[in-house]
PDB file of all heavy atoms in Angstrom:
ATOM      1  N   GLY A   1     139.010 -58.743  63.279  1.00  0.00           N
ATOM      2  CA  GLY A   1     139.348 -59.535  62.104  1.00  0.00           C
ATOM      3  C   GLY A   1     138.217 -59.627  61.096  1.00  0.00           C
ATOM      4  O   GLY A   1     138.412 -60.098  59.985  1.00  0.00           O
ATOM      5  N   ALA A   2     137.025 -59.201  61.508  1.00  0.00           N
ATOM      6  CA  ALA A   2     135.865 -59.235  60.605  1.00  0.00           C
ATOM      7  C   ALA A   2     135.003 -57.995  60.865  1.00  0.00           C
ATOM      8  O   ALA A   2     133.788 -58.075  61.015  1.00  0.00           O
ATOM      9  CB  ALA A   2     135.061 -60.508  60.828  1.00  0.00           C
ATOM     10  N   GLU A   3     135.654 -56.854  60.939  1.00  0.00           N
ATOM     11  CA  GLU A   3     134.990 -55.615  61.302  1.00  0.00           C
ATOM     12  C   GLU A   3     134.042 -55.118  60.211  1.00  0.00           C
ATOM     13  O   GLU A   3     134.458 -54.964  59.074  1.00  0.00           O
ATOM     14  CB  GLU A   3     136.026 -54.501  61.582  1.00  0.00           C
ATOM     15  CG  GLU A   3     136.986 -54.795  62.708  1.00  0.00           C
ATOM     16  CD  GLU A   3     138.225 -55.583  62.292  1.00  0.00           C
ATOM     17  OE1 GLU A   3     138.310 -56.004  61.113  1.00  0.00           O
ATOM     18  OE2 GLU A   3     139.099 -55.787  63.138  1.00  0.00           O
ATOM     19  N   PRO A   4     132.781 -54.859  60.579  1.00  0.00           N
ATOM     20  CA  PRO A   4     131.890 -54.210  59.612  1.00  0.00           C
ATOM     21  C   PRO A   4     132.311 -52.741  59.484  1.00  0.00           C
ATOM     22  O   PRO A   4     132.640 -52.107  60.491  1.00  0.00           O
ATOM     23  CB  PRO A   4     130.506 -54.343  60.249  1.00  0.00           C
ATOM     24  CG  PRO A   4     130.766 -54.468  61.711  1.00  0.00           C
ATOM     25  CD  PRO A   4     132.110 -55.137  61.846  1.00  0.00           C
ATOM     26  N   THR A   5     132.343 -52.241  58.278  1.00  0.00           N
ATOM     27  CA  THR A   5     132.816 -50.864  58.089  1.00  0.00           C
ATOM     28  C   THR A   5     131.780 -50.012  57.368  1.00  0.00           C
ATOM     29  O   THR A   5     130.910 -50.524  56.670  1.00  0.00           O
ATOM     30  CB  THR A   5     134.134 -50.827  57.287  1.00  0.00           C
ATOM     31  OG1 THR A   5     133.919 -51.454  56.022  1.00  0.00           O
ATOM     32  CG2 THR A   5     135.258 -51.513  58.025  1.00  0.00           C
ATOM     33  N   ARG A   6     131.918 -48.725  57.562  1.00  0.00           N
ATOM     34  CA  ARG A   6     131.131 -47.722  56.866  1.00  0.00           C
ATOM     35  C   ARG A   6     132.044 -47.070  55.851  1.00  0.00           C
ATOM     36  O   ARG A   6     133.119 -46.592  56.204  1.00  0.00           O
ATOM     37  CB  ARG A   6     130.649 -46.648  57.856  1.00  0.00           C
ATOM     38  CG  ARG A   6     129.159 -46.604  57.999  1.00  0.00           C
ATOM     39  CD  ARG A   6     128.726 -45.534  58.960  1.00  0.00           C
ATOM     40  NE  ARG A   6     129.078 -45.989  60.311  1.00  0.00           N
ATOM     41  CZ  ARG A   6     129.573 -45.216  61.261  1.00  0.00           C
ATOM     42  NH1 ARG A   6     129.773 -43.949  61.052  1.00  0.00           N
ATOM     43  NH2 ARG A   6     129.871 -45.711  62.427  1.00  0.00           N
ATOM     44  N   ARG A   7     131.643 -47.115  54.605  1.00  0.00           N
ATOM     45  CA  ARG A   7     132.432 -46.551  53.509  1.00  0.00           C
ATOM     46  C   ARG A   7     133.846 -47.135  53.461  1.00  0.00           C
ATOM     47  O   ARG A   7     134.784 -46.482  53.020  1.00  0.00           O
ATOM     48  CB  ARG A   7     132.486 -45.027  53.622  1.00  0.00           C
ATOM     49  CG  ARG A   7     131.131 -44.388  53.495  1.00  0.00           C
ATOM     50  CD  ARG A   7     131.218 -42.874  53.472  1.00  0.00           C
ATOM     51  NE  ARG A   7     129.917 -42.346  53.839  1.00  0.00           N
ATOM     52  CZ  ARG A   7     129.709 -41.493  54.815  1.00  0.00           C
ATOM     53  NH1 ARG A   7     130.700 -41.030  55.515  1.00  0.00           N
ATOM     54  NH2 ARG A   7     128.489 -41.086  55.076  1.00  0.00           N
ATOM     55  N   GLY A   8     133.996 -48.340  53.981  1.00  0.00           N
ATOM     56  CA  GLY A   8     135.267 -49.042  53.890  1.00  0.00           C
ATOM     57  C   GLY A   8     136.382 -48.533  54.776  1.00  0.00           C
ATOM     58  O   GLY A   8     137.497 -49.021  54.697  1.00  0.00           O
ATOM     59  N   CYS A   9     136.086 -47.564  55.651  1.00  0.00           N
ATOM     60  CA  CYS A   9     137.217 -47.024  56.417  1.00  0.00           C
ATOM     61  C   CYS A   9     136.972 -46.897  57.914  1.00  0.00           C
ATOM     62  O   CYS A   9     137.931 -46.902  58.674  1.00  0.00           O
ATOM     63  CB  CYS A   9     137.663 -45.681  55.838  1.00  0.00           C
ATOM     64  SG  CYS A   9     136.367 -44.443  55.855  1.00  0.00           S
ATOM     65  N   THR A  10     135.736 -46.800  58.373  1.00  0.00           N
ATOM     66  CA  THR A  10     135.500 -46.705  59.809  1.00  0.00           C
ATOM     67  C   THR A  10     134.623 -47.864  60.258  1.00  0.00           C
ATOM     68  O   THR A  10     133.756 -48.341  59.514  1.00  0.00           O
ATOM     69  CB  THR A  10     134.807 -45.373  60.191  1.00  0.00           C
ATOM     70  OG1 THR A  10     133.562 -45.290  59.501  1.00  0.00           O
ATOM     71  CG2 THR A  10     135.670 -44.179  59.844  1.00  0.00           C
ATOM     72  N   ILE A  11     134.842 -48.308  61.467  1.00  0.00           N
ATOM     73  CA  ILE A  11     134.062 -49.414  62.001  1.00  0.00           C
ATOM     74  C   ILE A  11     132.619 -48.962  62.207  1.00  0.00           C
ATOM     75  O   ILE A  11     132.360 -47.906  62.779  1.00  0.00           O
ATOM     76  CB  ILE A  11     134.671 -49.922  63.326  1.00  0.00           C
ATOM     77  CG1 ILE A  11     136.026 -50.582  63.040  1.00  0.00           C
ATOM     78  CG2 ILE A  11     133.729 -50.901  64.023  1.00  0.00           C
ATOM     79  CD1 ILE A  11     136.778 -51.029  64.262  1.00  0.00           C
ATOM     80  N   ASP A  12     131.703 -49.784  61.734  1.00  0.00           N
ATOM     81  CA  ASP A  12     130.271 -49.523  61.889  1.00  0.00           C
ATOM     82  C   ASP A  12     129.819 -50.196  63.185  1.00  0.00           C
ATOM     83  O   ASP A  12     129.415 -51.357  63.194  1.00  0.00           O
ATOM     84  CB  ASP A  12     129.516 -50.065  60.678  1.00  0.00           C
ATOM     85  CG  ASP A  12     128.049 -49.692  60.687  1.00  0.00           C
ATOM     86  OD1 ASP A  12     127.529 -49.290  61.753  1.00  0.00           O
ATOM     87  OD2 ASP A  12     127.420 -49.807  59.618  1.00  0.00           O
ATOM     88  N   LYS A  13     129.903 -49.434  64.275  1.00  0.00           N
ATOM     89  CA  LYS A  13     129.578 -49.981  65.593  1.00  0.00           C
ATOM     90  C   LYS A  13     128.132 -50.444  65.658  1.00  0.00           C
ATOM     91  O   LYS A  13     127.847 -51.500  66.227  1.00  0.00           O
ATOM     92  CB  LYS A  13     129.860 -48.955  66.692  1.00  0.00           C
ATOM     93  CG  LYS A  13     129.584 -49.480  68.089  1.00  0.00           C
ATOM     94  CD  LYS A  13     129.900 -48.469  69.173  1.00  0.00           C
ATOM     95  CE  LYS A  13     129.578 -49.027  70.540  1.00  0.00           C
ATOM     96  NZ  LYS A  13     129.825 -48.056  71.619  1.00  0.00           N
ATOM     97  N   ALA A  14     127.213 -49.696  65.072  1.00  0.00           N
ATOM     98  CA  ALA A  14     125.803 -50.080  65.099  1.00  0.00           C
ATOM     99  C   ALA A  14     125.588 -51.440  64.425  1.00  0.00           C
ATOM    100  O   ALA A  14     124.861 -52.292  64.949  1.00  0.00           O
ATOM    101  CB  ALA A  14     124.940 -49.012  64.440  1.00  0.00           C
ATOM    102  N   ALA A  15     126.229 -51.642  63.288  1.00  0.00           N
ATOM    103  CA  ALA A  15     126.115 -52.932  62.589  1.00  0.00           C
ATOM    104  C   ALA A  15     126.739 -54.044  63.416  1.00  0.00           C
ATOM    105  O   ALA A  15     126.199 -55.150  63.493  1.00  0.00           O
ATOM    106  CB  ALA A  15     126.780 -52.846  61.216  1.00  0.00           C
ATOM    107  N   ALA A  16     127.878 -53.746  64.045  1.00  0.00           N
ATOM    108  CA  ALA A  16     128.552 -54.745  64.888  1.00  0.00           C
ATOM    109  C   ALA A  16     127.654 -55.140  66.059  1.00  0.00           C
ATOM    110  O   ALA A  16     127.469 -56.335  66.339  1.00  0.00           O
ATOM    111  CB  ALA A  16     129.882 -54.198  65.391  1.00  0.00           C
ATOM    112  N   LEU A  17     127.096 -54.166  66.741  1.00  0.00           N
ATOM    113  CA  LEU A  17     126.227 -54.444  67.888  1.00  0.00           C
ATOM    114  C   LEU A  17     124.976 -55.206  67.461  1.00  0.00           C
ATOM    115  O   LEU A  17     124.532 -56.123  68.174  1.00  0.00           O
ATOM    116  CB  LEU A  17     125.865 -53.149  68.609  1.00  0.00           C
ATOM    117  CG  LEU A  17     127.012 -52.469  69.359  1.00  0.00           C
ATOM    118  CD1 LEU A  17     126.581 -51.107  69.896  1.00  0.00           C
ATOM    119  CD2 LEU A  17     127.541 -53.351  70.481  1.00  0.00           C
ATOM    120  N   ALA A  18     124.418 -54.867  66.310  1.00  0.00           N
ATOM    121  CA  ALA A  18     123.234 -55.566  65.808  1.00  0.00           C
ATOM    122  C   ALA A  18     123.558 -57.036  65.527  1.00  0.00           C
ATOM    123  O   ALA A  18     122.771 -57.932  65.859  1.00  0.00           O
ATOM    124  CB  ALA A  18     122.698 -54.879  64.556  1.00  0.00           C
ATOM    125  N   HIS A  19     124.720 -57.288  64.917  1.00  0.00           N
ATOM    126  CA  HIS A  19     125.127 -58.667  64.606  1.00  0.00           C
ATOM    127  C   HIS A  19     125.376 -59.448  65.902  1.00  0.00           C
ATOM    128  O   HIS A  19     124.974 -60.615  66.018  1.00  0.00           O
ATOM    129  CB  HIS A  19     126.374 -58.650  63.721  1.00  0.00           C
ATOM    130  CG  HIS A  19     126.719 -59.982  63.151  1.00  0.00           C
ATOM    131  ND1 HIS A  19     127.938 -60.248  62.598  1.00  0.00           N
ATOM    132  CD2 HIS A  19     126.025 -61.151  63.044  1.00  0.00           C
ATOM    133  CE1 HIS A  19     127.976 -61.496  62.189  1.00  0.00           C
ATOM    134  NE2 HIS A  19     126.824 -62.064  62.450  1.00  0.00           N
ATOM    135  N   ILE A  20     126.020 -58.808  66.870  1.00  0.00           N
ATOM    136  CA  ILE A  20     126.282 -59.458  68.153  1.00  0.00           C
ATOM    137  C   ILE A  20     124.966 -59.784  68.851  1.00  0.00           C
ATOM    138  O   ILE A  20     124.763 -60.905  69.331  1.00  0.00           O
ATOM    139  CB  ILE A  20     127.177 -58.567  69.041  1.00  0.00           C
ATOM    140  CG1 ILE A  20     128.592 -58.530  68.469  1.00  0.00           C
ATOM    141  CG2 ILE A  20     127.182 -59.049  70.493  1.00  0.00           C
ATOM    142  CD1 ILE A  20     129.474 -57.439  69.050  1.00  0.00           C
ATOM    143  N   GLU A  21     124.044 -58.817  68.880  1.00  0.00           N
ATOM    144  CA  GLU A  21     122.752 -59.020  69.534  1.00  0.00           C
ATOM    145  C   GLU A  21     121.979 -60.160  68.868  1.00  0.00           C
ATOM    146  O   GLU A  21     121.422 -61.025  69.542  1.00  0.00           O
ATOM    147  CB  GLU A  21     121.936 -57.727  69.476  1.00  0.00           C
ATOM    148  CG  GLU A  21     120.599 -57.827  70.173  1.00  0.00           C
ATOM    149  CD  GLU A  21     119.813 -56.530  70.088  1.00  0.00           C
ATOM    150  OE1 GLU A  21     120.389 -55.458  70.357  1.00  0.00           O
ATOM    151  OE2 GLU A  21     118.613 -56.607  69.725  1.00  0.00           O
ATOM    152  N   GLU A  22     121.971 -60.177  67.556  1.00  0.00           N
ATOM    153  CA  GLU A  22     121.267 -61.231  66.817  1.00  0.00           C
ATOM    154  C   GLU A  22     121.879 -62.604  67.103  1.00  0.00           C
ATOM    155  O   GLU A  22     121.164 -63.582  67.348  1.00  0.00           O
ATOM    156  CB  GLU A  22     121.319 -60.950  65.314  1.00  0.00           C
ATOM    157  CG  GLU A  22     120.685 -62.024  64.476  1.00  0.00           C
ATOM    158  CD  GLU A  22     120.904 -61.803  62.985  1.00  0.00           C
ATOM    159  OE1 GLU A  22     121.272 -60.685  62.579  1.00  0.00           O
ATOM    160  OE2 GLU A  22     120.710 -62.774  62.236  1.00  0.00           O
ATOM    161  N   THR A  23     123.199 -62.693  67.086  1.00  0.00           N
ATOM    162  CA  THR A  23     123.880 -63.968  67.340  1.00  0.00           C
ATOM    163  C   THR A  23     123.635 -64.424  68.774  1.00  0.00           C
ATOM    164  O   THR A  23     123.346 -65.603  69.009  1.00  0.00           O
ATOM    165  CB  THR A  23     125.389 -63.846  67.055  1.00  0.00           C
ATOM    166  OG1 THR A  23     125.573 -63.363  65.716  1.00  0.00           O
ATOM    167  CG2 THR A  23     126.087 -65.185  67.201  1.00  0.00           C
ATOM    168  N   CYS A  24     123.729 -63.515  69.735  1.00  0.00           N
ATOM    169  CA  CYS A  24     123.480 -63.867  71.136  1.00  0.00           C
ATOM    170  C   CYS A  24     122.044 -64.363  71.315  1.00  0.00           C
ATOM    171  O   CYS A  24     121.811 -65.358  72.009  1.00  0.00           O
ATOM    172  CB  CYS A  24     123.746 -62.675  72.045  1.00  0.00           C
ATOM    173  SG  CYS A  24     125.494 -62.316  72.308  1.00  0.00           S
ATOM    174  N   ARG A  25     121.086 -63.696  70.694  1.00  0.00           N
ATOM    175  CA  ARG A  25     119.685 -64.089  70.800  1.00  0.00           C
ATOM    176  C   ARG A  25     119.468 -65.464  70.152  1.00  0.00           C
ATOM    177  O   ARG A  25     118.816 -66.336  70.731  1.00  0.00           O
ATOM    178  CB  ARG A  25     118.789 -63.033  70.152  1.00  0.00           C
ATOM    179  CG  ARG A  25     117.305 -63.274  70.347  1.00  0.00           C
ATOM    180  CD  ARG A  25     116.409 -62.162  69.795  1.00  0.00           C
ATOM    181  NE  ARG A  25     116.731 -61.775  68.436  1.00  0.00           N
ATOM    182  CZ  ARG A  25     117.312 -60.616  68.090  1.00  0.00           C
ATOM    183  NH1 ARG A  25     117.643 -59.743  69.010  1.00  0.00           N
ATOM    184  NH2 ARG A  25     117.562 -60.343  66.826  1.00  0.00           N
ATOM    185  N   THR A  26     120.043 -65.664  68.979  1.00  0.00           N
ATOM    186  CA  THR A  26     119.875 -66.928  68.257  1.00  0.00           C
ATOM    187  C   THR A  26     120.396 -68.117  69.058  1.00  0.00           C
ATOM    188  O   THR A  26     119.765 -69.165  69.104  1.00  0.00           O
ATOM    189  CB  THR A  26     120.601 -66.863  66.894  1.00  0.00           C
ATOM    190  OG1 THR A  26     120.012 -65.821  66.119  1.00  0.00           O
ATOM    191  CG2 THR A  26     120.491 -68.184  66.147  1.00  0.00           C
ATOM    192  N   TYR A  27     121.561 -67.953  69.699  1.00  0.00           N
ATOM    193  CA  TYR A  27     122.208 -69.074  70.380  1.00  0.00           C
ATOM    194  C   TYR A  27     122.070 -69.038  71.902  1.00  0.00           C
ATOM    195  O   TYR A  27     122.673 -69.854  72.589  1.00  0.00           O
ATOM    196  CB  TYR A  27     123.686 -69.129  69.989  1.00  0.00           C
ATOM    197  CG  TYR A  27     123.863 -69.430  68.520  1.00  0.00           C
ATOM    198  CD1 TYR A  27     124.185 -68.423  67.619  1.00  0.00           C
ATOM    199  CD2 TYR A  27     123.677 -70.719  68.030  1.00  0.00           C
ATOM    200  CE1 TYR A  27     124.332 -68.695  66.268  1.00  0.00           C
ATOM    201  CE2 TYR A  27     123.815 -70.992  66.680  1.00  0.00           C
ATOM    202  CZ  TYR A  27     124.139 -69.976  65.806  1.00  0.00           C
ATOM    203  OH  TYR A  27     124.277 -70.253  64.475  1.00  0.00           O
ATOM    204  N   GLY A  28     121.307 -68.093  72.426  1.00  0.00           N
ATOM    205  CA  GLY A  28     121.082 -68.042  73.871  1.00  0.00           C
ATOM    206  C   GLY A  28     122.313 -67.673  74.671  1.00  0.00           C
ATOM    207  O   GLY A  28     122.500 -68.164  75.788  1.00  0.00           O
ATOM    208  N   ILE A  29     123.159 -66.809  74.117  1.00  0.00           N
ATOM    209  CA  ILE A  29     124.372 -66.380  74.805  1.00  0.00           C
ATOM    210  C   ILE A  29     124.092 -65.040  75.482  1.00  0.00           C
ATOM    211  O   ILE A  29     123.564 -64.128  74.852  1.00  0.00           O
ATOM    212  CB  ILE A  29     125.545 -66.240  73.815  1.00  0.00           C
ATOM    213  CG1 ILE A  29     125.856 -67.596  73.186  1.00  0.00           C
ATOM    214  CG2 ILE A  29     126.773 -65.664  74.501  1.00  0.00           C
ATOM    215  CD1 ILE A  29     126.854 -67.531  72.036  1.00  0.00           C
ATOM    216  N   GLN A  30     124.445 -64.942  76.755  1.00  0.00           N
ATOM    217  CA  GLN A  30     124.219 -63.703  77.482  1.00  0.00           C
ATOM    218  C   GLN A  30     125.548 -62.999  77.736  1.00  0.00           C
ATOM    219  O   GLN A  30     126.407 -63.525  78.436  1.00  0.00           O
ATOM    220  CB  GLN A  30     123.498 -63.972  78.792  1.00  0.00           C
ATOM    221  CG  GLN A  30     122.099 -64.504  78.575  1.00  0.00           C
ATOM    222  CD  GLN A  30     121.354 -64.716  79.864  1.00  0.00           C
ATOM    223  OE1 GLN A  30     121.874 -64.551  80.950  1.00  0.00           O
ATOM    224  NE2 GLN A  30     120.082 -65.086  79.751  1.00  0.00           N
ATOM    225  N   LEU A  31     125.698 -61.832  77.131  1.00  0.00           N
ATOM    226  CA  LEU A  31     126.893 -61.010  77.294  1.00  0.00           C
ATOM    227  C   LEU A  31     126.503 -59.542  77.209  1.00  0.00           C
ATOM    228  O   LEU A  31     125.558 -59.187  76.512  1.00  0.00           O
ATOM    229  CB  LEU A  31     127.914 -61.304  76.185  1.00  0.00           C
ATOM    230  CG  LEU A  31     128.621 -62.643  76.213  1.00  0.00           C
ATOM    231  CD1 LEU A  31     129.356 -62.884  74.901  1.00  0.00           C
ATOM    232  CD2 LEU A  31     129.597 -62.706  77.380  1.00  0.00           C
ATOM    233  N   ASN A  32     127.265 -58.691  77.891  1.00  0.00           N
ATOM    234  CA  ASN A  32     127.100 -57.246  77.776  1.00  0.00           C
ATOM    235  C   ASN A  32     128.151 -56.748  76.788  1.00  0.00           C
ATOM    236  O   ASN A  32     129.338 -56.731  77.118  1.00  0.00           O
ATOM    237  CB  ASN A  32     127.280 -56.586  79.138  1.00  0.00           C
ATOM    238  CG  ASN A  32     127.261 -55.075  79.067  1.00  0.00           C
ATOM    239  OD1 ASN A  32     127.118 -54.476  77.994  1.00  0.00           O
ATOM    240  ND2 ASN A  32     127.418 -54.441  80.223  1.00  0.00           N
TER     241      ASN A  32
END
């Protein structure tokens, strides 16, 4: 529902993983 995209058409997995990692680190959430 809030997918980061590359050129507006494909999901930017690297950006998604970076955002997830940053959020998990900020709030102390541990997930794989």
